Amino acid sequence: MEYIEVPAPPPLDALVRCFWFRRGPVHAEAPQTVVPDGRMEVVLHLGEPFAELNERGTARRQAPALLAAC
C-alpha cells in the first residue's frame, strides 16, 4: 500500500489542509479503525471503494463519493 499527503496549493490552502492518496490492493488487509479528528473529508474512490464494517461486523462497500466528518 502507498499513502501520500500533498499540501493544498494557494489559494485552496486557506480552506483545504491537504489532499491524500492511497494506492494499492484493497483486499487482504486487516480492518482499521478510523478515529475522529475533527476534520471534514471529501472521499472520492477512483478505484475499488473500501468496505466498512457495521456494528455486527458485516461489510458493505462505501459509496464512490462521500463526505465524512466527526
PDB file of N, CA and C in Angstrom:
ATOM      1  N   MET A   1       0.840  -1.172   0.000  1.00  0.00           N
ATOM      2  CA  MET A   1       0.000   0.000   0.000  1.00  0.00           C
ATOM      3  C   MET A   1       0.886   1.237   0.000  1.00  0.00           C
ATOM      4  N   GLU A   2       0.480   2.238  -0.745  1.00  0.00           N
ATOM      5  CA  GLU A   2       1.178   3.523  -0.800  1.00  0.00           C
ATOM      6  C   GLU A   2       0.224   4.608  -0.329  1.00  0.00           C
ATOM      7  N   TYR A   3       0.678   5.448   0.587  1.00  0.00           N
ATOM      8  CA  TYR A   3      -0.126   6.551   1.108  1.00  0.00           C
ATOM      9  C   TYR A   3       0.708   7.814   1.033  1.00  0.00           C
ATOM     10  N   ILE A   4       0.152   8.867   0.428  1.00  0.00           N
ATOM     11  CA  ILE A   4       0.860  10.147   0.382  1.00  0.00           C
ATOM     12  C   ILE A   4      -0.106  11.275   0.716  1.00  0.00           C
ATOM     13  N   GLU A   5       0.414  12.336   1.317  1.00  0.00           N
ATOM     14  CA  GLU A   5      -0.327  13.568   1.562  1.00  0.00           C
ATOM     15  C   GLU A   5       0.367  14.692   0.809  1.00  0.00           C
ATOM     16  N   VAL A   6      -0.431  15.519   0.156  1.00  0.00           N
ATOM     17  CA  VAL A   6       0.092  16.646  -0.609  1.00  0.00           C
ATOM     18  C   VAL A   6      -0.568  17.908  -0.078  1.00  0.00           C
ATOM     19  N   PRO A   7       0.216  18.901   0.344  1.00  0.00           N
ATOM     20  CA  PRO A   7      -0.388  20.157   0.815  1.00  0.00           C
ATOM     21  C   PRO A   7      -1.208  20.815  -0.295  1.00  0.00           C
ATOM     22  N   ALA A   8      -2.306  21.436   0.083  1.00  0.00           N
ATOM     23  CA  ALA A   8      -3.140  22.149  -0.886  1.00  0.00           C
ATOM     24  C   ALA A   8      -2.392  23.395  -1.354  1.00  0.00           C
ATOM     25  N   PRO A   9      -2.446  23.681  -2.657  1.00  0.00           N
ATOM     26  CA  PRO A   9      -1.769  24.875  -3.166  1.00  0.00           C
ATOM     27  C   PRO A   9      -2.622  26.117  -2.917  1.00  0.00           C
ATOM     28  N   PRO A  10      -1.980  27.303  -2.908  1.00  0.00           N
ATOM     29  CA  PRO A  10      -2.742  28.544  -2.813  1.00  0.00           C
ATOM     30  C   PRO A  10      -3.660  28.673  -4.026  1.00  0.00           C
ATOM     31  N   PRO A  11      -4.811  29.219  -3.920  1.00  0.00           N
ATOM     32  CA  PRO A  11      -5.469  29.772  -2.751  1.00  0.00           C
ATOM     33  C   PRO A  11      -6.271  28.723  -1.965  1.00  0.00           C
ATOM     34  N   LEU A  12      -6.278  27.457  -2.416  1.00  0.00           N
ATOM     35  CA  LEU A  12      -7.039  26.425  -1.701  1.00  0.00           C
ATOM     36  C   LEU A  12      -6.543  26.195  -0.280  1.00  0.00           C
ATOM     37  N   ASP A  13      -5.282  26.493  -0.014  1.00  0.00           N
ATOM     38  CA  ASP A  13      -4.718  26.227   1.313  1.00  0.00           C
ATOM     39  C   ASP A  13      -5.404  27.025   2.419  1.00  0.00           C
ATOM     40  N   ALA A  14      -6.173  28.034   2.052  1.00  0.00           N
ATOM     41  CA  ALA A  14      -6.937  28.781   3.056  1.00  0.00           C
ATOM     42  C   ALA A  14      -8.104  27.950   3.587  1.00  0.00           C
ATOM     43  N   LEU A  15      -8.555  26.958   2.815  1.00  0.00           N
ATOM     44  CA  LEU A  15      -9.699  26.134   3.193  1.00  0.00           C
ATOM     45  C   LEU A  15      -9.378  24.648   3.301  1.00  0.00           C
ATOM     46  N   VAL A  16      -8.365  24.199   2.570  1.00  0.00           N
ATOM     47  CA  VAL A  16      -8.047  22.769   2.479  1.00  0.00           C
ATOM     48  C   VAL A  16      -6.654  22.535   3.050  1.00  0.00           C
ATOM     49  N   ARG A  17      -6.545  21.627   4.021  1.00  0.00           N
ATOM     50  CA  ARG A  17      -5.246  21.326   4.628  1.00  0.00           C
ATOM     51  C   ARG A  17      -4.363  20.534   3.685  1.00  0.00           C
ATOM     52  N   CYS A  18      -4.931  19.442   3.118  1.00  0.00           N
ATOM     53  CA  CYS A  18      -4.129  18.602   2.235  1.00  0.00           C
ATOM     54  C   CYS A  18      -5.022  17.708   1.388  1.00  0.00           C
ATOM     55  N   PHE A  19      -4.419  17.109   0.395  1.00  0.00           N
ATOM     56  CA  PHE A  19      -5.031  16.039  -0.381  1.00  0.00           C
ATOM     57  C   PHE A  19      -4.277  14.781  -0.020  1.00  0.00           C
ATOM     58  N   TRP A  20      -4.981  13.682   0.167  1.00  0.00           N
ATOM     59  CA  TRP A  20      -4.270  12.439   0.441  1.00  0.00           C
ATOM     60  C   TRP A  20      -4.702  11.381  -0.551  1.00  0.00           C
ATOM     61  N   PHE A  21      -3.765  10.507  -0.843  1.00  0.00           N
ATOM     62  CA  PHE A  21      -3.973   9.466  -1.834  1.00  0.00           C
ATOM     63  C   PHE A  21      -3.493   8.146  -1.267  1.00  0.00           C
ATOM     64  N   ARG A  22      -4.263   7.115  -1.524  1.00  0.00           N
ATOM     65  CA  ARG A  22      -3.890   5.760  -1.127  1.00  0.00           C
ATOM     66  C   ARG A  22      -3.966   4.905  -2.368  1.00  0.00           C
ATOM     67  N   ARG A  23      -2.914   4.163  -2.613  1.00  0.00           N
ATOM     68  CA  ARG A  23      -2.861   3.321  -3.795  1.00  0.00           C
ATOM     69  C   ARG A  23      -2.416   1.924  -3.382  1.00  0.00           C
ATOM     70  N   GLY A  24      -3.022   0.935  -3.979  1.00  0.00           N
ATOM     71  CA  GLY A  24      -2.647  -0.440  -3.700  1.00  0.00           C
ATOM     72  C   GLY A  24      -3.870  -1.315  -3.572  1.00  0.00           C
ATOM     73  N   PRO A  25      -3.660  -2.598  -3.386  1.00  0.00           N
ATOM     74  CA  PRO A  25      -4.797  -3.512  -3.286  1.00  0.00           C
ATOM     75  C   PRO A  25      -5.662  -3.227  -2.066  1.00  0.00           C
ATOM     76  N   VAL A  26      -6.955  -3.370  -2.246  1.00  0.00           N
ATOM     77  CA  VAL A  26      -7.903  -3.134  -1.161  1.00  0.00           C
ATOM     78  C   VAL A  26      -8.097  -4.394  -0.327  1.00  0.00           C
ATOM     79  N   HIS A  27      -7.996  -5.533  -0.939  1.00  0.00           N
ATOM     80  CA  HIS A  27      -8.246  -6.798  -0.247  1.00  0.00           C
ATOM     81  C   HIS A  27      -7.051  -7.222   0.608  1.00  0.00           C
ATOM     82  N   ALA A  28      -7.271  -8.177   1.453  1.00  0.00           N
ATOM     83  CA  ALA A  28      -6.234  -8.833   2.262  1.00  0.00           C
ATOM     84  C   ALA A  28      -5.616  -7.924   3.324  1.00  0.00           C
ATOM     85  N   GLU A  29      -6.285  -6.867   3.685  1.00  0.00           N
ATOM     86  CA  GLU A  29      -5.796  -6.020   4.765  1.00  0.00           C
ATOM     87  C   GLU A  29      -6.699  -6.179   5.969  1.00  0.00           C
ATOM     88  N   ALA A  30      -6.111  -6.112   7.142  1.00  0.00           N
ATOM     89  CA  ALA A  30      -6.894  -6.188   8.371  1.00  0.00           C
ATOM     90  C   ALA A  30      -7.740  -4.926   8.507  1.00  0.00           C
ATOM     91  N   PRO A  31      -8.916  -5.031   9.112  1.00  0.00           N
ATOM     92  CA  PRO A  31      -9.741  -3.832   9.325  1.00  0.00           C
ATOM     93  C   PRO A  31      -8.984  -2.779  10.132  1.00  0.00           C
ATOM     94  N   GLN A  32      -9.217  -1.523   9.812  1.00  0.00           N
ATOM     95  CA  GLN A  32      -8.589  -0.413  10.519  1.00  0.00           C
ATOM     96  C   GLN A  32      -9.673   0.485  11.099  1.00  0.00           C
ATOM     97  N   THR A  33      -9.503   0.859  12.353  1.00  0.00           N
ATOM     98  CA  THR A  33     -10.424   1.788  12.998  1.00  0.00           C
ATOM     99  C   THR A  33     -10.046   3.205  12.618  1.00  0.00           C
ATOM    100  N   VAL A  34     -11.018   3.992  12.216  1.00  0.00           N
ATOM    101  CA  VAL A  34     -10.785   5.400  11.892  1.00  0.00           C
ATOM    102  C   VAL A  34     -11.235   6.221  13.093  1.00  0.00           C
ATOM    103  N   VAL A  35     -10.298   6.946  13.669  1.00  0.00           N
ATOM    104  CA  VAL A  35     -10.569   7.752  14.857  1.00  0.00           C
ATOM    105  C   VAL A  35     -10.926   9.172  14.419  1.00  0.00           C
ATOM    106  N   PRO A  36     -12.028   9.723  14.924  1.00  0.00           N
ATOM    107  CA  PRO A  36     -12.401  11.087  14.547  1.00  0.00           C
ATOM    108  C   PRO A  36     -11.295  12.084  14.887  1.00  0.00           C
ATOM    109  N   ASP A  37     -11.026  13.006  13.959  1.00  0.00           N
ATOM    110  CA  ASP A  37     -10.001  14.021  14.199  1.00  0.00           C
ATOM    111  C   ASP A  37     -10.554  15.441  14.124  1.00  0.00           C
ATOM    112  N   GLY A  38     -11.880  15.572  13.993  1.00  0.00           N
ATOM    113  CA  GLY A  38     -12.488  16.899  13.957  1.00  0.00           C
ATOM    114  C   GLY A  38     -12.428  17.569  12.609  1.00  0.00           C
ATOM    115  N   ARG A  39     -11.911  16.876  11.608  1.00  0.00           N
ATOM    116  CA  ARG A  39     -11.816  17.457  10.272  1.00  0.00           C
ATOM    117  C   ARG A  39     -12.833  16.821   9.343  1.00  0.00           C
ATOM    118  N   MET A  40     -13.285  17.594   8.377  1.00  0.00           N
ATOM    119  CA  MET A  40     -14.187  17.089   7.352  1.00  0.00           C
ATOM    120  C   MET A  40     -13.339  16.539   6.214  1.00  0.00           C
ATOM    121  N   GLU A  41     -13.781  15.436   5.634  1.00  0.00           N
ATOM    122  CA  GLU A  41     -13.073  14.849   4.499  1.00  0.00           C
ATOM    123  C   GLU A  41     -14.057  14.572   3.371  1.00  0.00           C
ATOM    124  N   VAL A  42     -13.643  14.900   2.162  1.00  0.00           N
ATOM    125  CA  VAL A  42     -14.358  14.503   0.961  1.00  0.00           C
ATOM    126  C   VAL A  42     -13.581  13.320   0.405  1.00  0.00           C
ATOM    127  N   VAL A  43     -14.236  12.182   0.281  1.00  0.00           N
ATOM    128  CA  VAL A  43     -13.574  10.961  -0.183  1.00  0.00           C
ATOM    129  C   VAL A  43     -14.104  10.615  -1.567  1.00  0.00           C
ATOM    130  N   LEU A  44     -13.189  10.510  -2.518  1.00  0.00           N
ATOM    131  CA  LEU A  44     -13.521  10.112  -3.882  1.00  0.00           C
ATOM    132  C   LEU A  44     -12.760   8.826  -4.185  1.00  0.00           C
ATOM    133  N   HIS A  45     -13.470   7.750  -4.383  1.00  0.00           N
ATOM    134  CA  HIS A  45     -12.832   6.476  -4.723  1.00  0.00           C
ATOM    135  C   HIS A  45     -12.630   6.437  -6.235  1.00  0.00           C
ATOM    136  N   LEU A  46     -11.389   6.475  -6.665  1.00  0.00           N
ATOM    137  CA  LEU A  46     -11.087   6.414  -8.094  1.00  0.00           C
ATOM    138  C   LEU A  46     -10.888   4.975  -8.548  1.00  0.00           C
ATOM    139  N   GLY A  47     -10.832   4.069  -7.599  1.00  0.00           N
ATOM    140  CA  GLY A  47     -10.717   2.645  -7.881  1.00  0.00           C
ATOM    141  C   GLY A  47     -11.801   1.915  -7.124  1.00  0.00           C
ATOM    142  N   GLU A  48     -11.498   0.730  -6.651  1.00  0.00           N
ATOM    143  CA  GLU A  48     -12.460  -0.059  -5.888  1.00  0.00           C
ATOM    144  C   GLU A  48     -12.673   0.576  -4.515  1.00  0.00           C
ATOM    145  N   PRO A  49     -13.912   0.903  -4.146  1.00  0.00           N
ATOM    146  CA  PRO A  49     -14.170   1.531  -2.841  1.00  0.00           C
ATOM    147  C   PRO A  49     -13.802   0.618  -1.680  1.00  0.00           C
ATOM    148  N   PHE A  50     -13.481   1.225  -0.555  1.00  0.00           N
ATOM    149  CA  PHE A  50     -13.224   0.475   0.670  1.00  0.00           C
ATOM    150  C   PHE A  50     -14.509  -0.190   1.135  1.00  0.00           C
ATOM    151  N   ALA A  51     -14.358  -1.159   2.005  1.00  0.00           N
ATOM    152  CA  ALA A  51     -15.508  -1.750   2.683  1.00  0.00           C
ATOM    153  C   ALA A  51     -15.526  -1.176   4.089  1.00  0.00           C
ATOM    154  N   GLU A  52     -16.713  -0.985   4.634  1.00  0.00           N
ATOM    155  CA  GLU A  52     -16.816  -0.557   6.022  1.00  0.00           C
ATOM    156  C   GLU A  52     -17.624  -1.599   6.778  1.00  0.00           C
ATOM    157  N   LEU A  53     -17.266  -1.802   8.037  1.00  0.00           N
ATOM    158  CA  LEU A  53     -17.940  -2.794   8.870  1.00  0.00           C
ATOM    159  C   LEU A  53     -18.949  -2.110   9.768  1.00  0.00           C
ATOM    160  N   ASN A  54     -20.143  -2.681   9.860  1.00  0.00           N
ATOM    161  CA  ASN A  54     -21.124  -2.134  10.790  1.00  0.00           C
ATOM    162  C   ASN A  54     -20.900  -2.752  12.171  1.00  0.00           C
ATOM    163  N   GLU A  55     -21.758  -2.413  13.115  1.00  0.00           N
ATOM    164  CA  GLU A  55     -21.567  -2.874  14.499  1.00  0.00           C
ATOM    165  C   GLU A  55     -21.663  -4.390  14.639  1.00  0.00           C
ATOM    166  N   ARG A  56     -22.268  -5.074  13.663  1.00  0.00           N
ATOM    167  CA  ARG A  56     -22.355  -6.549  13.699  1.00  0.00           C
ATOM    168  C   ARG A  56     -21.194  -7.209  12.979  1.00  0.00           C
ATOM    169  N   GLY A  57     -20.320  -6.394  12.375  1.00  0.00           N
ATOM    170  CA  GLY A  57     -19.172  -6.938  11.658  1.00  0.00           C
ATOM    171  C   GLY A  57     -19.470  -7.299  10.215  1.00  0.00           C
ATOM    172  N   THR A  58     -20.631  -6.860   9.707  1.00  0.00           N
ATOM    173  CA  THR A  58     -20.994  -7.113   8.320  1.00  0.00           C
ATOM    174  C   THR A  58     -20.391  -6.030   7.442  1.00  0.00           C
ATOM    175  N   ALA A  59     -19.724  -6.445   6.362  1.00  0.00           N
ATOM    176  CA  ALA A  59     -19.053  -5.482   5.480  1.00  0.00           C
ATOM    177  C   ALA A  59     -19.997  -5.020   4.372  1.00  0.00           C
ATOM    178  N   ARG A  60     -19.825  -3.739   3.994  1.00  0.00           N
ATOM    179  CA  ARG A  60     -20.510  -3.212   2.820  1.00  0.00           C
ATOM    180  C   ARG A  60     -19.576  -2.203   2.162  1.00  0.00           C
ATOM    181  N   ARG A  61     -19.648  -2.098   0.862  1.00  0.00           N
ATOM    182  CA  ARG A  61     -18.796  -1.166   0.125  1.00  0.00           C
ATOM    183  C   ARG A  61     -19.235   0.268   0.371  1.00  0.00           C
ATOM    184  N   GLN A  62     -18.252   1.148   0.510  1.00  0.00           N
ATOM    185  CA  GLN A  62     -18.561   2.569   0.622  1.00  0.00           C
ATOM    186  C   GLN A  62     -19.047   3.086  -0.723  1.00  0.00           C
ATOM    187  N   ALA A  63     -19.727   4.211  -0.675  1.00  0.00           N
ATOM    188  CA  ALA A  63     -20.163   4.877  -1.909  1.00  0.00           C
ATOM    189  C   ALA A  63     -18.934   5.379  -2.679  1.00  0.00           C
ATOM    190  N   PRO A  64     -19.040   5.580  -3.991  1.00  0.00           N
ATOM    191  CA  PRO A  64     -17.900   6.084  -4.764  1.00  0.00           C
ATOM    192  C   PRO A  64     -17.455   7.485  -4.340  1.00  0.00           C
ATOM    193  N   ALA A  65     -18.362   8.262  -3.746  1.00  0.00           N
ATOM    194  CA  ALA A  65     -18.029   9.593  -3.238  1.00  0.00           C
ATOM    195  C   ALA A  65     -18.798   9.792  -1.932  1.00  0.00           C
ATOM    196  N   LEU A  66     -18.111  10.340  -0.927  1.00  0.00           N
ATOM    197  CA  LEU A  66     -18.788  10.580   0.340  1.00  0.00           C
ATOM    198  C   LEU A  66     -18.145  11.726   1.091  1.00  0.00           C
ATOM    199  N   LEU A  67     -18.896  12.282   2.019  1.00  0.00           N
ATOM    200  CA  LEU A  67     -18.432  13.349   2.889  1.00  0.00           C
ATOM    201  C   LEU A  67     -18.415  12.784   4.304  1.00  0.00           C
ATOM    202  N   ALA A  68     -17.275  12.842   4.944  1.00  0.00           N
ATOM    203  CA  ALA A  68     -17.143  12.288   6.299  1.00  0.00           C
ATOM    204  C   ALA A  68     -16.690  13.404   7.252  1.00  0.00           C
ATOM    205  N   ALA A  69     -17.330  13.473   8.401  1.00  0.00           N
ATOM    206  CA  ALA A  69     -16.965  14.474   9.405  1.00  0.00           C
ATOM    207  C   ALA A  69     -17.331  13.966  10.781  1.00  0.00           C
ATOM    208  N   CYS A  70     -16.462  14.227  11.738  1.00  0.00           N
ATOM    209  CA  CYS A  70     -16.720  13.853  13.135  1.00  0.00           C
ATOM    210  C   CYS A  70     -16.225  14.950  14.043  1.00  0.00           C
TER     211      CYS A  70
END
